[in-house]
Amino acid sequence: MKKLSRFSPFIPAIVGFAPLCAFAASDLESILDTLKSLANGIIPLFMLLAVAVFLWGIVKYVTAGGDEANEKKARGLIIYGLIGIFVMVAFWGIIQIFADTFGIQTGGSPNFPDISL
């Protein structure tokens, strides 16, 4: 039972992606289109988080007051923020390359289903 409790934080994500499995994509283009739409929704959030970590590191570095330990922690935050920004931009670029390679359209607005009441 203890081994199963390690996976409990991932259960909401698994349940959230269950509809994708139920409406399984029939070809590679629709799979890549689904991945691209997920990436376009998630990447800005992670990018915002990476920029916030970077800026927080700068603030901590400026306010360290010459304390070596605090400056070292702040430099670590700055480096983690820069790495996060780089990873998010690289991931977004890879998704765009796959989209262009397989002819998936970029941009536009999502087509939400109409609900009649």
PDB file of N, CA and C in Angstrom:
ATOM      1  N   MET A   1       0.820  -1.188   0.000  1.00  0.00           N
ATOM      2  CA  MET A   1       0.000   0.000   0.000  1.00  0.00           C
ATOM      3  C   MET A   1       0.866   1.254   0.000  1.00  0.00           C
ATOM      4  N   LYS A   2       2.019   1.172   0.649  1.00  0.00           N
ATOM      5  CA  LYS A   2       2.899   2.316   0.717  1.00  0.00           C
ATOM      6  C   LYS A   2       3.426   2.688  -0.670  1.00  0.00           C
ATOM      7  N   LYS A   3       3.655   1.673  -1.514  1.00  0.00           N
ATOM      8  CA  LYS A   3       4.152   1.942  -2.856  1.00  0.00           C
ATOM      9  C   LYS A   3       3.099   2.665  -3.697  1.00  0.00           C
ATOM     10  N   LEU A   4       1.849   2.348  -3.513  1.00  0.00           N
ATOM     11  CA  LEU A   4       0.787   2.994  -4.270  1.00  0.00           C
ATOM     12  C   LEU A   4       0.597   4.441  -3.855  1.00  0.00           C
ATOM     13  N   SER A   5       0.901   4.784  -2.620  1.00  0.00           N
ATOM     14  CA  SER A   5       0.698   6.153  -2.166  1.00  0.00           C
ATOM     15  C   SER A   5       1.671   7.113  -2.838  1.00  0.00           C
ATOM     16  N   ARG A   6       2.765   6.605  -3.385  1.00  0.00           N
ATOM     17  CA  ARG A   6       3.689   7.477  -4.115  1.00  0.00           C
ATOM     18  C   ARG A   6       3.046   8.027  -5.381  1.00  0.00           C
ATOM     19  N   PHE A   7       2.115   7.295  -5.943  1.00  0.00           N
ATOM     20  CA  PHE A   7       1.494   7.711  -7.189  1.00  0.00           C
ATOM     21  C   PHE A   7       0.225   8.532  -6.979  1.00  0.00           C
ATOM     22  N   SER A   8      -0.198   8.730  -5.756  1.00  0.00           N
ATOM     23  CA  SER A   8      -1.439   9.450  -5.502  1.00  0.00           C
ATOM     24  C   SER A   8      -1.428  10.892  -6.000  1.00  0.00           C
ATOM     25  N   PRO A   9      -0.297  11.626  -6.020  1.00  0.00           N
ATOM     26  CA  PRO A   9      -0.360  12.978  -6.586  1.00  0.00           C
ATOM     27  C   PRO A   9      -0.634  12.991  -8.087  1.00  0.00           C
ATOM     28  N   PHE A  10      -0.365  11.881  -8.773  1.00  0.00           N
ATOM     29  CA  PHE A  10      -0.544  11.839 -10.219  1.00  0.00           C
ATOM     30  C   PHE A  10      -1.948  11.391 -10.634  1.00  0.00           C
ATOM     31  N   ILE A  11      -2.745  10.944  -9.698  1.00  0.00           N
ATOM     32  CA  ILE A  11      -4.083  10.439 -10.024  1.00  0.00           C
ATOM     33  C   ILE A  11      -4.962  11.514 -10.674  1.00  0.00           C
ATOM     34  N   PRO A  12      -4.988  12.780 -10.172  1.00  0.00           N
ATOM     35  CA  PRO A  12      -5.806  13.786 -10.863  1.00  0.00           C
ATOM     36  C   PRO A  12      -5.375  14.023 -12.305  1.00  0.00           C
ATOM     37  N   ALA A  13      -4.074  14.000 -12.570  1.00  0.00           N
ATOM     38  CA  ALA A  13      -3.606  14.190 -13.940  1.00  0.00           C
ATOM     39  C   ALA A  13      -4.023  13.022 -14.827  1.00  0.00           C
ATOM     40  N   ILE A  14      -3.943  11.818 -14.292  1.00  0.00           N
ATOM     41  CA  ILE A  14      -4.343  10.638 -15.064  1.00  0.00           C
ATOM     42  C   ILE A  14      -5.834  10.698 -15.374  1.00  0.00           C
ATOM     43  N   VAL A  15      -6.635  11.076 -14.390  1.00  0.00           N
ATOM     44  CA  VAL A  15      -8.082  11.190 -14.602  1.00  0.00           C
ATOM     45  C   VAL A  15      -8.380  12.315 -15.584  1.00  0.00           C
ATOM     46  N   GLY A  16      -7.596  13.401 -15.514  1.00  0.00           N
ATOM     47  CA  GLY A  16      -7.802  14.522 -16.426  1.00  0.00           C
ATOM     48  C   GLY A  16      -7.522  14.178 -17.873  1.00  0.00           C
ATOM     49  N   PHE A  17      -6.548  13.295 -18.105  1.00  0.00           N
ATOM     50  CA  PHE A  17      -6.211  12.904 -19.464  1.00  0.00           C
ATOM     51  C   PHE A  17      -6.998  11.690 -19.945  1.00  0.00           C
ATOM     52  N   ALA A  18      -7.861  11.155 -19.130  1.00  0.00           N
ATOM     53  CA  ALA A  18      -8.656   9.988 -19.519  1.00  0.00           C
ATOM     54  C   ALA A  18      -9.535  10.255 -20.740  1.00  0.00           C
ATOM     55  N   PRO A  19     -10.163  11.448 -20.874  1.00  0.00           N
ATOM     56  CA  PRO A  19     -10.953  11.673 -22.093  1.00  0.00           C
ATOM     57  C   PRO A  19     -10.117  11.603 -23.368  1.00  0.00           C
ATOM     58  N   LEU A  20      -8.849  11.974 -23.284  1.00  0.00           N
ATOM     59  CA  LEU A  20      -8.003  11.855 -24.467  1.00  0.00           C
ATOM     60  C   LEU A  20      -7.844  10.405 -24.890  1.00  0.00           C
ATOM     61  N   CYS A  21      -7.797   9.528 -23.906  1.00  0.00           N
ATOM     62  CA  CYS A  21      -7.684   8.101 -24.222  1.00  0.00           C
ATOM     63  C   CYS A  21      -9.003   7.554 -24.755  1.00  0.00           C
ATOM     64  N   ALA A  22     -10.118   8.074 -24.243  1.00  0.00           N
ATOM     65  CA  ALA A  22     -11.424   7.589 -24.682  1.00  0.00           C
ATOM     66  C   ALA A  22     -11.686   7.980 -26.133  1.00  0.00           C
ATOM     67  N   PHE A  23     -11.272   9.194 -26.494  1.00  0.00           N
ATOM     68  CA  PHE A  23     -11.419   9.647 -27.867  1.00  0.00           C
ATOM     69  C   PHE A  23     -10.057   9.555 -28.544  1.00  0.00           C
ATOM     70  N   ALA A  24      -9.507   8.368 -28.552  1.00  0.00           N
ATOM     71  CA  ALA A  24      -8.149   8.147 -29.043  1.00  0.00           C
ATOM     72  C   ALA A  24      -8.024   8.627 -30.479  1.00  0.00           C
ATOM     73  N   ALA A  25      -6.909   9.265 -30.737  1.00  0.00           N
ATOM     74  CA  ALA A  25      -6.672   9.809 -32.063  1.00  0.00           C
ATOM     75  C   ALA A  25      -6.423   8.671 -33.046  1.00  0.00           C
ATOM     76  N   SER A  26      -6.926   8.866 -34.250  1.00  0.00           N
ATOM     77  CA  SER A  26      -6.825   7.791 -35.226  1.00  0.00           C
ATOM     78  C   SER A  26      -5.587   7.909 -36.111  1.00  0.00           C
ATOM     79  N   ASP A  27      -4.970   9.074 -36.160  1.00  0.00           N
ATOM     80  CA  ASP A  27      -3.784   9.202 -36.985  1.00  0.00           C
ATOM     81  C   ASP A  27      -2.766  10.114 -36.304  1.00  0.00           C
ATOM     82  N   LEU A  28      -1.585  10.136 -36.868  1.00  0.00           N
ATOM     83  CA  LEU A  28      -0.477  10.877 -36.267  1.00  0.00           C
ATOM     84  C   LEU A  28      -0.744  12.375 -36.232  1.00  0.00           C
ATOM     85  N   GLU A  29      -1.399  12.896 -37.246  1.00  0.00           N
ATOM     86  CA  GLU A  29      -1.665  14.331 -37.300  1.00  0.00           C
ATOM     87  C   GLU A  29      -2.564  14.775 -36.155  1.00  0.00           C
ATOM     88  N   SER A  30      -3.592  14.019 -35.849  1.00  0.00           N
ATOM     89  CA  SER A  30      -4.472  14.410 -34.764  1.00  0.00           C
ATOM     90  C   SER A  30      -3.798  14.241 -33.401  1.00  0.00           C
ATOM     91  N   ILE A  31      -2.908  13.259 -33.281  1.00  0.00           N
ATOM     92  CA  ILE A  31      -2.154  13.099 -32.034  1.00  0.00           C
ATOM     93  C   ILE A  31      -1.248  14.307 -31.830  1.00  0.00           C
ATOM     94  N   LEU A  32      -0.523  14.701 -32.884  1.00  0.00           N
ATOM     95  CA  LEU A  32       0.358  15.857 -32.780  1.00  0.00           C
ATOM     96  C   LEU A  32      -0.425  17.142 -32.553  1.00  0.00           C
ATOM     97  N   ASP A  33      -1.602  17.252 -33.151  1.00  0.00           N
ATOM     98  CA  ASP A  33      -2.438  18.429 -32.937  1.00  0.00           C
ATOM     99  C   ASP A  33      -2.885  18.510 -31.483  1.00  0.00           C
ATOM    100  N   THR A  34      -3.234  17.367 -30.889  1.00  0.00           N
ATOM    101  CA  THR A  34      -3.629  17.334 -29.477  1.00  0.00           C
ATOM    102  C   THR A  34      -2.458  17.713 -28.584  1.00  0.00           C
ATOM    103  N   LEU A  35      -1.283  17.165 -28.865  1.00  0.00           N
ATOM    104  CA  LEU A  35      -0.098  17.511 -28.078  1.00  0.00           C
ATOM    105  C   LEU A  35       0.248  18.986 -28.205  1.00  0.00           C
ATOM    106  N   LYS A  36       0.094  19.523 -29.399  1.00  0.00           N
ATOM    107  CA  LYS A  36       0.396  20.932 -29.613  1.00  0.00           C
ATOM    108  C   LYS A  36      -0.574  21.817 -28.851  1.00  0.00           C
ATOM    109  N   SER A  37      -1.850  21.467 -28.860  1.00  0.00           N
ATOM    110  CA  SER A  37      -2.818  22.286 -28.131  1.00  0.00           C
ATOM    111  C   SER A  37      -2.570  22.211 -26.628  1.00  0.00           C
ATOM    112  N   LEU A  38      -2.182  21.033 -26.123  1.00  0.00           N
ATOM    113  CA  LEU A  38      -1.825  20.929 -24.703  1.00  0.00           C
ATOM    114  C   LEU A  38      -0.594  21.771 -24.386  1.00  0.00           C
ATOM    115  N   ALA A  39       0.402  21.705 -25.257  1.00  0.00           N
ATOM    116  CA  ALA A  39       1.634  22.474 -25.027  1.00  0.00           C
ATOM    117  C   ALA A  39       1.365  23.967 -25.079  1.00  0.00           C
ATOM    118  N   ASN A  40       0.515  24.404 -26.015  1.00  0.00           N
ATOM    119  CA  ASN A  40       0.201  25.823 -26.108  1.00  0.00           C
ATOM    120  C   ASN A  40      -0.549  26.328 -24.884  1.00  0.00           C
ATOM    121  N   GLY A  41      -1.216  25.441 -24.173  1.00  0.00           N
ATOM    122  CA  GLY A  41      -1.900  25.860 -22.957  1.00  0.00           C
ATOM    123  C   GLY A  41      -1.026  25.806 -21.724  1.00  0.00           C
ATOM    124  N   ILE A  42      -0.091  24.857 -21.690  1.00  0.00           N
ATOM    125  CA  ILE A  42       0.721  24.647 -20.498  1.00  0.00           C
ATOM    126  C   ILE A  42       2.002  25.472 -20.515  1.00  0.00           C
ATOM    127  N   ILE A  43       2.615  25.630 -21.668  1.00  0.00           N
ATOM    128  CA  ILE A  43       3.913  26.295 -21.746  1.00  0.00           C
ATOM    129  C   ILE A  43       3.868  27.731 -21.216  1.00  0.00           C
ATOM    130  N   PRO A  44       2.853  28.540 -21.524  1.00  0.00           N
ATOM    131  CA  PRO A  44       2.845  29.889 -20.943  1.00  0.00           C
ATOM    132  C   PRO A  44       2.819  29.891 -19.410  1.00  0.00           C
ATOM    133  N   LEU A  45       2.148  28.919 -18.819  1.00  0.00           N
ATOM    134  CA  LEU A  45       2.135  28.852 -17.356  1.00  0.00           C
ATOM    135  C   LEU A  45       3.515  28.530 -16.802  1.00  0.00           C
ATOM    136  N   PHE A  46       4.189  27.544 -17.398  1.00  0.00           N
ATOM    137  CA  PHE A  46       5.534  27.202 -16.959  1.00  0.00           C
ATOM    138  C   PHE A  46       6.523  28.330 -17.262  1.00  0.00           C
ATOM    139  N   MET A  47       6.310  29.026 -18.374  1.00  0.00           N
ATOM    140  CA  MET A  47       7.177  30.156 -18.708  1.00  0.00           C
ATOM    141  C   MET A  47       7.014  31.263 -17.667  1.00  0.00           C
ATOM    142  N   LEU A  48       5.783  31.515 -17.262  1.00  0.00           N
ATOM    143  CA  LEU A  48       5.527  32.514 -16.223  1.00  0.00           C
ATOM    144  C   LEU A  48       6.198  32.112 -14.915  1.00  0.00           C
ATOM    145  N   LEU A  49       6.126  30.839 -14.569  1.00  0.00           N
ATOM    146  CA  LEU A  49       6.772  30.345 -13.358  1.00  0.00           C
ATOM    147  C   LEU A  49       8.292  30.495 -13.444  1.00  0.00           C
ATOM    148  N   ALA A  50       8.883  30.170 -14.591  1.00  0.00           N
ATOM    149  CA  ALA A  50      10.332  30.289 -14.751  1.00  0.00           C
ATOM    150  C   ALA A  50      10.787  31.742 -14.664  1.00  0.00           C
ATOM    151  N   VAL A  51      10.032  32.646 -15.266  1.00  0.00           N
ATOM    152  CA  VAL A  51      10.378  34.065 -15.195  1.00  0.00           C
ATOM    153  C   VAL A  51      10.230  34.570 -13.758  1.00  0.00           C
ATOM    154  N   ALA A  52       9.199  34.110 -13.051  1.00  0.00           N
ATOM    155  CA  ALA A  52       9.010  34.526 -11.657  1.00  0.00           C
ATOM    156  C   ALA A  52      10.169  34.037 -10.784  1.00  0.00           C
ATOM    157  N   VAL A  53      10.629  32.800 -11.002  1.00  0.00           N
ATOM    158  CA  VAL A  53      11.769  32.278 -10.241  1.00  0.00           C
ATOM    159  C   VAL A  53      13.021  33.097 -10.558  1.00  0.00           C
ATOM    160  N   PHE A  54      13.228  33.423 -11.818  1.00  0.00           N
ATOM    161  CA  PHE A  54      14.378  34.226 -12.221  1.00  0.00           C
ATOM    162  C   PHE A  54      14.342  35.603 -11.558  1.00  0.00           C
ATOM    163  N   LEU A  55      13.192  36.262 -11.629  1.00  0.00           N
ATOM    164  CA  LEU A  55      13.080  37.593 -11.028  1.00  0.00           C
ATOM    165  C   LEU A  55      13.199  37.535  -9.508  1.00  0.00           C
ATOM    166  N   TRP A  56      12.642  36.492  -8.894  1.00  0.00           N
ATOM    167  CA  TRP A  56      12.762  36.348  -7.446  1.00  0.00           C
ATOM    168  C   TRP A  56      14.228  36.151  -7.057  1.00  0.00           C
ATOM    169  N   GLY A  57      14.970  35.425  -7.870  1.00  0.00           N
ATOM    170  CA  GLY A  57      16.401  35.250  -7.625  1.00  0.00           C
ATOM    171  C   GLY A  57      17.150  36.564  -7.710  1.00  0.00           C
ATOM    172  N   ILE A  58      16.784  37.399  -8.670  1.00  0.00           N
ATOM    173  CA  ILE A  58      17.420  38.717  -8.788  1.00  0.00           C
ATOM    174  C   ILE A  58      17.117  39.566  -7.560  1.00  0.00           C
ATOM    175  N   VAL A  59      15.860  39.566  -7.125  1.00  0.00           N
ATOM    176  CA  VAL A  59      15.482  40.330  -5.936  1.00  0.00           C
ATOM    177  C   VAL A  59      16.253  39.819  -4.713  1.00  0.00           C
ATOM    178  N   LYS A  60      16.323  38.504  -4.553  1.00  0.00           N
ATOM    179  CA  LYS A  60      17.055  37.933  -3.413  1.00  0.00           C
ATOM    180  C   LYS A  60      18.545  38.276  -3.483  1.00  0.00           C
ATOM    181  N   TYR A  61      19.117  38.300  -4.688  1.00  0.00           N
ATOM    182  CA  TYR A  61      20.531  38.618  -4.841  1.00  0.00           C
ATOM    183  C   TYR A  61      20.808  40.074  -4.469  1.00  0.00           C
ATOM    184  N   VAL A  62      19.929  40.969  -4.924  1.00  0.00           N
ATOM    185  CA  VAL A  62      20.111  42.391  -4.633  1.00  0.00           C
ATOM    186  C   VAL A  62      19.944  42.666  -3.139  1.00  0.00           C
ATOM    187  N   THR A  63      19.014  41.970  -2.502  1.00  0.00           N
ATOM    188  CA  THR A  63      18.746  42.210  -1.083  1.00  0.00           C
ATOM    189  C   THR A  63      19.581  41.335  -0.150  1.00  0.00           C
ATOM    190  N   ALA A  64      20.554  40.583  -0.699  1.00  0.00           N
ATOM    191  CA  ALA A  64      21.367  39.694   0.138  1.00  0.00           C
ATOM    192  C   ALA A  64      22.261  40.477   1.089  1.00  0.00           C
ATOM    193  N   GLY A  65      22.630  41.679   0.745  1.00  0.00           N
ATOM    194  CA  GLY A  65      23.426  42.515   1.638  1.00  0.00           C
ATOM    195  C   GLY A  65      24.836  41.999   1.849  1.00  0.00           C
ATOM    196  N   GLY A  66      25.433  41.340   0.880  1.00  0.00           N
ATOM    197  CA  GLY A  66      26.796  40.874   0.991  1.00  0.00           C
ATOM    198  C   GLY A  66      26.963  39.544   1.701  1.00  0.00           C
ATOM    199  N   ASP A  67      25.882  38.931   2.111  1.00  0.00           N
ATOM    200  CA  ASP A  67      25.953  37.629   2.773  1.00  0.00           C
ATOM    201  C   ASP A  67      26.202  36.553   1.713  1.00  0.00           C
ATOM    202  N   GLU A  68      27.307  35.844   1.839  1.00  0.00           N
ATOM    203  CA  GLU A  68      27.704  34.853   0.833  1.00  0.00           C
ATOM    204  C   GLU A  68      26.683  33.730   0.675  1.00  0.00           C
ATOM    205  N   ALA A  69      26.132  33.242   1.763  1.00  0.00           N
ATOM    206  CA  ALA A  69      25.182  32.129   1.687  1.00  0.00           C
ATOM    207  C   ALA A  69      23.912  32.547   0.957  1.00  0.00           C
ATOM    208  N   ASN A  70      23.398  33.743   1.270  1.00  0.00           N
ATOM    209  CA  ASN A  70      22.183  34.218   0.592  1.00  0.00           C
ATOM    210  C   ASN A  70      22.443  34.520  -0.878  1.00  0.00           C
ATOM    211  N   GLU A  71      23.633  35.049  -1.178  1.00  0.00           N
ATOM    212  CA  GLU A  71      23.970  35.302  -2.576  1.00  0.00           C
ATOM    213  C   GLU A  71      24.057  33.996  -3.365  1.00  0.00           C
ATOM    214  N   LYS A  72      24.601  32.955  -2.749  1.00  0.00           N
ATOM    215  CA  LYS A  72      24.714  31.652  -3.424  1.00  0.00           C
ATOM    216  C   LYS A  72      23.334  31.071  -3.704  1.00  0.00           C
ATOM    217  N   LYS A  73      22.414  31.172  -2.723  1.00  0.00           N
ATOM    218  CA  LYS A  73      21.042  30.692  -2.937  1.00  0.00           C
ATOM    219  C   LYS A  73      20.358  31.492  -4.036  1.00  0.00           C
ATOM    220  N   ALA A  74      20.573  32.800  -4.044  1.00  0.00           N
ATOM    221  CA  ALA A  74      19.950  33.652  -5.059  1.00  0.00           C
ATOM    222  C   ALA A  74      20.501  33.329  -6.445  1.00  0.00           C
ATOM    223  N   ARG A  75      21.812  33.098  -6.553  1.00  0.00           N
ATOM    224  CA  ARG A  75      22.388  32.707  -7.842  1.00  0.00           C
ATOM    225  C   ARG A  75      21.793  31.397  -8.334  1.00  0.00           C
ATOM    226  N   GLY A  76      21.554  30.481  -7.406  1.00  0.00           N
ATOM    227  CA  GLY A  76      20.914  29.222  -7.778  1.00  0.00           C
ATOM    228  C   GLY A  76      19.521  29.442  -8.352  1.00  0.00           C
ATOM    229  N   LEU A  77      18.746  30.341  -7.737  1.00  0.00           N
ATOM    230  CA  LEU A  77      17.404  30.649  -8.256  1.00  0.00           C
ATOM    231  C   LEU A  77      17.483  31.277  -9.645  1.00  0.00           C
ATOM    232  N   ILE A  78      18.458  32.160  -9.823  1.00  0.00           N
ATOM    233  CA  ILE A  78      18.618  32.793 -11.137  1.00  0.00           C
ATOM    234  C   ILE A  78      18.961  31.742 -12.191  1.00  0.00           C
ATOM    235  N   ILE A  79      19.860  30.850 -11.864  1.00  0.00           N
ATOM    236  CA  ILE A  79      20.253  29.799 -12.819  1.00  0.00           C
ATOM    237  C   ILE A  79      19.081  28.873 -13.112  1.00  0.00           C
ATOM    238  N   TYR A  80      18.321  28.468 -12.072  1.00  0.00           N
ATOM    239  CA  TYR A  80      17.154  27.611 -12.296  1.00  0.00           C
ATOM    240  C   TYR A  80      16.118  28.313 -13.159  1.00  0.00           C
ATOM    241  N   GLY A  81      15.923  29.606 -12.936  1.00  0.00           N
ATOM    242  CA  GLY A  81      14.981  30.360 -13.756  1.00  0.00           C
ATOM    243  C   GLY A  81      15.400  30.416 -15.211  1.00  0.00           C
ATOM    244  N   LEU A  82      16.697  30.656 -15.455  1.00  0.00           N
ATOM    245  CA  LEU A  82      17.196  30.698 -16.830  1.00  0.00           C
ATOM    246  C   LEU A  82      17.091  29.337 -17.506  1.00  0.00           C
ATOM    247  N   ILE A  83      17.410  28.277 -16.773  1.00  0.00           N
ATOM    248  CA  ILE A  83      17.284  26.932 -17.330  1.00  0.00           C
ATOM    249  C   ILE A  83      15.821  26.636 -17.656  1.00  0.00           C
ATOM    250  N   GLY A  84      14.915  27.019 -16.771  1.00  0.00           N
ATOM    251  CA  GLY A  84      13.486  26.811 -17.020  1.00  0.00           C
ATOM    252  C   GLY A  84      13.006  27.547 -18.255  1.00  0.00           C
ATOM    253  N   ILE A  85      13.433  28.792 -18.408  1.00  0.00           N
ATOM    254  CA  ILE A  85      13.053  29.568 -19.593  1.00  0.00           C
ATOM    255  C   ILE A  85      13.582  28.894 -20.854  1.00  0.00           C
ATOM    256  N   PHE A  86      14.845  28.466 -20.817  1.00  0.00           N
ATOM    257  CA  PHE A  86      15.445  27.803 -21.975  1.00  0.00           C
ATOM    258  C   PHE A  86      14.699  26.525 -22.332  1.00  0.00           C
ATOM    259  N   VAL A  87      14.385  25.719 -21.329  1.00  0.00           N
ATOM    260  CA  VAL A  87      13.694  24.451 -21.585  1.00  0.00           C
ATOM    261  C   VAL A  87      12.307  24.695 -22.185  1.00  0.00           C
ATOM    262  N   MET A  88      11.582  25.683 -21.664  1.00  0.00           N
ATOM    263  CA  MET A  88      10.242  25.958 -22.186  1.00  0.00           C
ATOM    264  C   MET A  88      10.294  26.463 -23.627  1.00  0.00           C
ATOM    265  N   VAL A  89      11.232  27.343 -23.917  1.00  0.00           N
ATOM    266  CA  VAL A  89      11.355  27.842 -25.295  1.00  0.00           C
ATOM    267  C   VAL A  89      11.772  26.714 -26.233  1.00  0.00           C
ATOM    268  N   ALA A  90      12.698  25.857 -25.786  1.00  0.00           N
ATOM    269  CA  ALA A  90      13.131  24.733 -26.620  1.00  0.00           C
ATOM    270  C   ALA A  90      11.981  23.761 -26.860  1.00  0.00           C
ATOM    271  N   PHE A  91      11.200  23.451 -25.819  1.00  0.00           N
ATOM    272  CA  PHE A  91      10.072  22.536 -25.979  1.00  0.00           C
ATOM    273  C   PHE A  91       9.045  23.115 -26.937  1.00  0.00           C
ATOM    274  N   TRP A  92       8.745  24.397 -26.789  1.00  0.00           N
ATOM    275  CA  TRP A  92       7.790  25.046 -27.684  1.00  0.00           C
ATOM    276  C   TRP A  92       8.315  25.005 -29.118  1.00  0.00           C
ATOM    277  N   GLY A  93       9.615  25.226 -29.292  1.00  0.00           N
ATOM    278  CA  GLY A  93      10.198  25.177 -30.629  1.00  0.00           C
ATOM    279  C   GLY A  93      10.113  23.792 -31.244  1.00  0.00           C
ATOM    280  N   ILE A  94      10.350  22.756 -30.444  1.00  0.00           N
ATOM    281  CA  ILE A  94      10.254  21.381 -30.947  1.00  0.00           C
ATOM    282  C   ILE A  94       8.825  21.078 -31.382  1.00  0.00           C
ATOM    283  N   ILE A  95       7.856  21.497 -30.602  1.00  0.00           N
ATOM    284  CA  ILE A  95       6.455  21.291 -30.976  1.00  0.00           C
ATOM    285  C   ILE A  95       6.147  22.017 -32.281  1.00  0.00           C
ATOM    286  N   GLN A  96       6.657  23.232 -32.451  1.00  0.00           N
ATOM    287  CA  GLN A  96       6.419  23.981 -33.684  1.00  0.00           C
ATOM    288  C   GLN A  96       7.078  23.299 -34.881  1.00  0.00           C
ATOM    289  N   ILE A  97       8.270  22.741 -34.685  1.00  0.00           N
ATOM    290  CA  ILE A  97       8.946  22.039 -35.782  1.00  0.00           C
ATOM    291  C   ILE A  97       8.139  20.818 -36.214  1.00  0.00           C
ATOM    292  N   PHE A  98       7.644  20.041 -35.231  1.00  0.00           N
ATOM    293  CA  PHE A  98       6.809  18.890 -35.568  1.00  0.00           C
ATOM    294  C   PHE A  98       5.522  19.339 -36.267  1.00  0.00           C
ATOM    295  N   ALA A  99       4.938  20.425 -35.806  1.00  0.00           N
ATOM    296  CA  ALA A  99       3.704  20.912 -36.425  1.00  0.00           C
ATOM    297  C   ALA A  99       3.952  21.331 -37.870  1.00  0.00           C
ATOM    298  N   ASP A 100       5.049  22.027 -38.100  1.00  0.00           N
ATOM    299  CA  ASP A 100       5.362  22.444 -39.469  1.00  0.00           C
ATOM    300  C   ASP A 100       5.712  21.254 -40.350  1.00  0.00           C
ATOM    301  N   THR A 101       6.405  20.265 -39.789  1.00  0.00           N
ATOM    302  CA  THR A 101       6.797  19.095 -40.559  1.00  0.00           C
ATOM    303  C   THR A 101       5.589  18.296 -41.027  1.00  0.00           C
ATOM    304  N   PHE A 102       4.612  18.142 -40.149  1.00  0.00           N
ATOM    305  CA  PHE A 102       3.441  17.332 -40.478  1.00  0.00           C
ATOM    306  C   PHE A 102       2.265  18.164 -40.975  1.00  0.00           C
ATOM    307  N   GLY A 103       2.462  19.462 -41.203  1.00  0.00           N
ATOM    308  CA  GLY A 103       1.444  20.303 -41.811  1.00  0.00           C
ATOM    309  C   GLY A 103       0.282  20.656 -40.904  1.00  0.00           C
ATOM    310  N   ILE A 104       0.516  20.737 -39.623  1.00  0.00           N
ATOM    311  CA  ILE A 104      -0.542  21.128 -38.690  1.00  0.00           C
ATOM    312  C   ILE A 104      -0.558  22.642 -38.613  1.00  0.00           C
ATOM    313  N   GLN A 105      -1.739  23.234 -38.730  1.00  0.00           N
ATOM    314  CA  GLN A 105      -1.849  24.686 -38.725  1.00  0.00           C
ATOM    315  C   GLN A 105      -1.530  25.244 -37.347  1.00  0.00           C
ATOM    316  N   THR A 106      -0.893  26.401 -37.348  1.00  0.00           N
ATOM    317  CA  THR A 106      -0.580  27.071 -36.093  1.00  0.00           C
ATOM    318  C   THR A 106      -1.436  28.316 -35.959  1.00  0.00           C
ATOM    319  N   GLY A 107      -1.612  28.749 -34.723  1.00  0.00           N
ATOM    320  CA  GLY A 107      -2.367  29.967 -34.458  1.00  0.00           C
ATOM    321  C   GLY A 107      -3.858  29.747 -34.535  1.00  0.00           C
ATOM    322  N   GLY A 108      -4.583  30.846 -34.524  1.00  0.00           N
ATOM    323  CA  GLY A 108      -6.036  30.767 -34.568  1.00  0.00           C
ATOM    324  C   GLY A 108      -6.634  30.564 -33.202  1.00  0.00           C
ATOM    325  N   SER A 109      -7.927  30.404 -33.175  1.00  0.00           N
ATOM    326  CA  SER A 109      -8.607  30.185 -31.903  1.00  0.00           C
ATOM    327  C   SER A 109      -9.163  28.766 -31.875  1.00  0.00           C
ATOM    328  N   PRO A 110      -9.287  28.201 -30.695  1.00  0.00           N
ATOM    329  CA  PRO A 110      -9.808  26.830 -30.617  1.00  0.00           C
ATOM    330  C   PRO A 110     -11.286  26.785 -30.980  1.00  0.00           C
ATOM    331  N   ASN A 111     -11.703  25.679 -31.511  1.00  0.00           N
ATOM    332  CA  ASN A 111     -13.113  25.480 -31.849  1.00  0.00           C
ATOM    333  C   ASN A 111     -13.804  24.800 -30.686  1.00  0.00           C
ATOM    334  N   PHE A 112     -14.495  25.577 -29.871  1.00  0.00           N
ATOM    335  CA  PHE A 112     -15.218  25.021 -28.735  1.00  0.00           C
ATOM    336  C   PHE A 112     -16.599  24.585 -29.202  1.00  0.00           C
ATOM    337  N   PRO A 113     -17.105  23.503 -28.641  1.00  0.00           N
ATOM    338  CA  PRO A 113     -18.443  23.054 -29.042  1.00  0.00           C
ATOM    339  C   PRO A 113     -19.507  24.032 -28.535  1.00  0.00           C
ATOM    340  N   ASP A 114     -20.554  24.166 -29.330  1.00  0.00           N
ATOM    341  CA  ASP A 114     -21.674  25.011 -28.932  1.00  0.00           C
ATOM    342  C   ASP A 114     -22.584  24.240 -27.995  1.00  0.00           C
ATOM    343  N   ILE A 115     -23.061  24.924 -26.968  1.00  0.00           N
ATOM    344  CA  ILE A 115     -23.983  24.294 -26.006  1.00  0.00           C
ATOM    345  C   ILE A 115     -25.298  25.064 -26.057  1.00  0.00           C
ATOM    346  N   SER A 116     -26.346  24.358 -26.406  1.00  0.00           N
ATOM    347  CA  SER A 116     -27.669  24.975 -26.471  1.00  0.00           C
ATOM    348  C   SER A 116     -28.421  24.683 -25.181  1.00  0.00           C
ATOM    349  N   LEU A 117     -28.957  25.735 -24.611  1.00  0.00           N
ATOM    350  CA  LEU A 117     -29.746  25.559 -23.393  1.00  0.00           C
ATOM    351  C   LEU A 117     -31.215  25.786 -23.662  1.00  0.00           C
TER     352      LEU A 117
END
